Amino acid sequence: MEFVKGEIDGVSVVVKERHEDERGWLSELFRLDEMGKDLYPVMAYVSAAPPGAMRGPHVHGQQSDYFSFIMSSFKVFLWDQRKGSPTYMNKKTVVIDGKDTVCIVVPPGVVHAYKNTGEGNGLVVNFPNRLYGGWERKGPLDEIRHEGNPLYSVDE
């Protein structure tokens, strides 16, 4: 079994407009009027990614991720392992140049990883539609990790 390059059903990549002036810049990350109710966030977190740092690959069974990549260049790697999907066995790499704010929706069942390919620290903000670890962190984790699995190798 081998993945092939292509689009992935349900994954969206949106470059957000930056409003710049002498004070810096501002970029909207999400708006409820621009997303389906099934994607409404229930929590948010930010992570710092030093140059060369990689997270994933991993997958969620129920959770959609709504990532915002800020302040550095990134590569985002996606693999569609959903057997009923029209893009089953497709893989996609998204290259983010660090000049824009880029938001990516990753639906359940799509394995994903990202790497900071820039020279400086980057920020990743996520607005998932499920609580990590369930209510009060007392539920099961909706995450299967695939680090070291050759099926999900990162081809740079």
Protein backbone atom coordinates (compact mmCIF):
# COMPACT_ATOMS: atom_id res chain seq x y z
CA MET A 1 0.00 0.00 0.00
CA GLU A 2 1.40 3.39 -0.99
CA PHE A 3 0.01 6.91 -0.93
CA VAL A 4 -0.09 9.02 -4.12
CA LYS A 5 0.15 12.81 -4.40
CA GLY A 6 -3.16 14.62 -4.78
CA GLU A 7 -5.84 16.70 -3.17
CA ILE A 8 -7.59 15.44 -0.03
CA ASP A 9 -11.35 15.68 0.38
CA GLY A 10 -12.36 17.86 3.32
CA VAL A 11 -8.96 19.54 3.72
CA SER A 12 -9.06 23.28 3.14
CA VAL A 13 -6.13 25.67 2.97
CA VAL A 14 -6.90 29.38 3.29
CA VAL A 15 -4.45 32.27 3.17
CA LYS A 16 -5.76 34.93 5.55
CA GLU A 17 -5.43 38.61 4.75
CA ARG A 18 -3.00 40.61 6.87
CA HIS A 19 -3.78 44.21 7.66
CA GLU A 20 -0.48 46.04 8.16
CA ASP A 21 0.44 49.51 9.29
CA GLU A 22 3.12 51.18 11.41
CA ARG A 23 1.87 49.30 14.50
CA GLY A 24 2.43 45.86 12.94
CA TRP A 25 -0.15 43.55 11.46
CA LEU A 26 -3.45 41.89 12.30
CA SER A 27 -4.92 38.76 10.74
CA GLU A 28 -8.25 37.09 11.52
CA LEU A 29 -7.76 33.41 12.28
CA PHE A 30 -11.36 32.18 12.20
CA ARG A 31 -14.91 33.47 11.98
CA LEU A 32 -18.04 31.48 12.71
CA ASP A 33 -19.69 32.92 9.59
CA GLU A 34 -16.96 31.34 7.44
CA MET A 35 -17.15 27.75 8.72
CA GLY A 36 -19.66 24.97 9.13
CA LYS A 37 -21.13 24.35 12.56
CA ASP A 38 -19.39 20.97 12.68
CA LEU A 39 -16.07 22.86 12.82
CA TYR A 40 -16.97 25.30 15.61
CA PRO A 41 -14.04 25.26 18.05
CA VAL A 42 -14.46 24.07 21.62
CA MET A 43 -10.96 24.95 22.75
CA ALA A 44 -7.81 26.67 21.49
CA TYR A 45 -4.12 26.22 22.05
CA VAL A 46 -0.89 27.66 20.75
CA SER A 47 2.40 25.86 20.33
CA ALA A 48 5.85 27.22 19.58
CA ALA A 49 7.91 25.42 16.98
CA PRO A 50 11.64 26.13 16.85
CA PRO A 51 13.42 25.75 13.50
CA GLY A 52 13.44 22.13 12.38
CA ALA A 53 10.83 21.00 14.92
CA MET A 54 8.22 18.52 13.74
CA ARG A 55 4.94 17.37 15.28
CA GLY A 56 3.19 14.22 14.14
CA PRO A 57 2.31 12.32 12.18
CA HIS A 58 -0.88 11.46 14.04
CA VAL A 59 -4.60 11.15 13.34
CA HIS A 60 -7.89 11.77 15.13
CA GLY A 61 -10.98 9.59 14.83
CA GLN A 62 -13.56 12.28 15.68
CA GLN A 63 -11.73 15.60 15.94
CA SER A 64 -11.21 18.15 13.19
CA ASP A 65 -8.21 20.43 13.59
CA TYR A 66 -8.26 24.05 12.46
CA PHE A 67 -4.59 25.05 12.39
CA SER A 68 -3.24 28.58 11.91
CA PHE A 69 0.45 28.79 10.99
CA ILE A 70 2.12 32.06 11.95
CA MET A 71 5.56 33.69 11.96
CA SER A 72 7.66 31.10 10.08
CA SER A 73 7.79 28.82 7.09
CA PHE A 74 6.22 25.39 7.50
CA LYS A 75 5.57 22.22 5.59
CA VAL A 76 2.32 20.46 6.41
CA PHE A 77 2.04 16.79 5.45
CA LEU A 78 -1.34 15.10 5.02
CA TRP A 79 -2.33 11.49 4.24
CA ASP A 80 -5.94 10.40 3.61
CA GLN A 81 -6.47 7.02 5.27
CA ARG A 82 -10.31 7.20 5.24
CA LYS A 83 -11.45 4.12 3.32
CA GLY A 84 -14.77 5.72 2.25
CA SER A 85 -13.16 8.94 1.04
CA PRO A 86 -13.00 9.78 -2.68
CA THR A 87 -9.36 10.75 -2.08
CA TYR A 88 -8.41 7.63 -0.08
CA MET A 89 -4.64 6.98 -0.23
CA ASN A 90 -3.84 10.51 -1.45
CA LYS A 91 -1.06 12.49 0.21
CA LYS A 92 -0.57 16.24 0.08
CA THR A 93 2.18 18.60 1.18
CA VAL A 94 1.34 22.25 1.83
CA VAL A 95 4.27 24.68 1.74
CA ILE A 96 3.82 27.85 3.80
CA ASP A 97 6.28 30.63 3.05
CA GLY A 98 6.01 32.49 6.36
CA LYS A 99 4.86 35.74 4.74
CA ASP A 100 1.19 34.88 5.14
CA THR A 101 -1.08 33.56 7.86
CA VAL A 102 -2.35 30.22 6.58
CA CYS A 103 -5.22 28.24 8.08
CA ILE A 104 -5.71 24.54 7.35
CA VAL A 105 -8.70 22.39 8.26
CA VAL A 106 -7.80 18.73 8.82
CA PRO A 107 -10.85 16.43 9.09
CA PRO A 108 -10.97 13.26 11.19
CA GLY A 109 -9.18 10.32 9.61
CA VAL A 110 -6.55 12.40 7.83
CA VAL A 111 -3.07 11.73 9.20
CA HIS A 112 -1.15 14.97 9.59
CA ALA A 113 2.24 16.36 10.59
CA TYR A 114 3.97 19.70 10.32
CA LYS A 115 7.55 20.92 10.38
CA ASN A 116 8.98 24.39 10.89
CA THR A 117 11.20 24.85 7.84
CA GLY A 118 12.05 28.46 8.63
CA GLU A 119 15.01 30.02 10.36
CA GLY A 120 13.08 31.42 13.31
CA ASN A 121 10.52 30.28 15.83
CA GLY A 122 7.05 29.70 14.47
CA LEU A 123 3.66 29.65 16.11
CA VAL A 124 0.85 27.21 15.47
CA VAL A 125 -2.59 27.97 16.87
CA ASN A 126 -5.21 25.23 16.78
CA PHE A 127 -8.97 25.56 17.27
CA PRO A 128 -10.15 21.91 17.39
CA ASN A 129 -13.83 21.01 17.49
CA ARG A 130 -13.36 18.42 20.27
CA LEU A 131 -11.90 18.72 23.78
CA TYR A 132 -8.51 17.03 24.10
CA GLY A 133 -8.99 14.21 26.58
CA GLY A 134 -12.73 14.88 26.84
CA TRP A 135 -14.62 16.92 29.42
CA GLU A 136 -12.33 17.84 32.34
CA ARG A 137 -9.62 15.73 30.62
CA LYS A 138 -11.33 12.57 31.92
CA GLY A 139 -12.15 10.95 28.59
CA PRO A 140 -10.17 8.84 26.17
CA LEU A 141 -7.63 10.49 23.89
CA ASP A 142 -8.78 10.74 20.28
CA GLU A 143 -5.32 10.39 18.81
CA ILE A 144 -3.29 7.65 17.17
CA ARG A 145 0.38 8.49 16.77
CA HIS A 146 2.37 7.34 13.74
CA GLU A 147 5.90 8.58 14.45
CA GLY A 148 8.33 6.11 12.91
CA ASN A 149 5.70 4.45 10.68
CA PRO A 150 7.26 4.28 7.17
CA LEU A 151 3.80 4.54 5.57
CA TYR A 152 3.70 8.15 6.76
CA SER A 153 7.22 9.18 5.84
CA VAL A 154 7.88 12.85 5.31
CA ASP A 155 9.22 13.37 1.82
CA GLU A 156 10.94 16.71 1.81
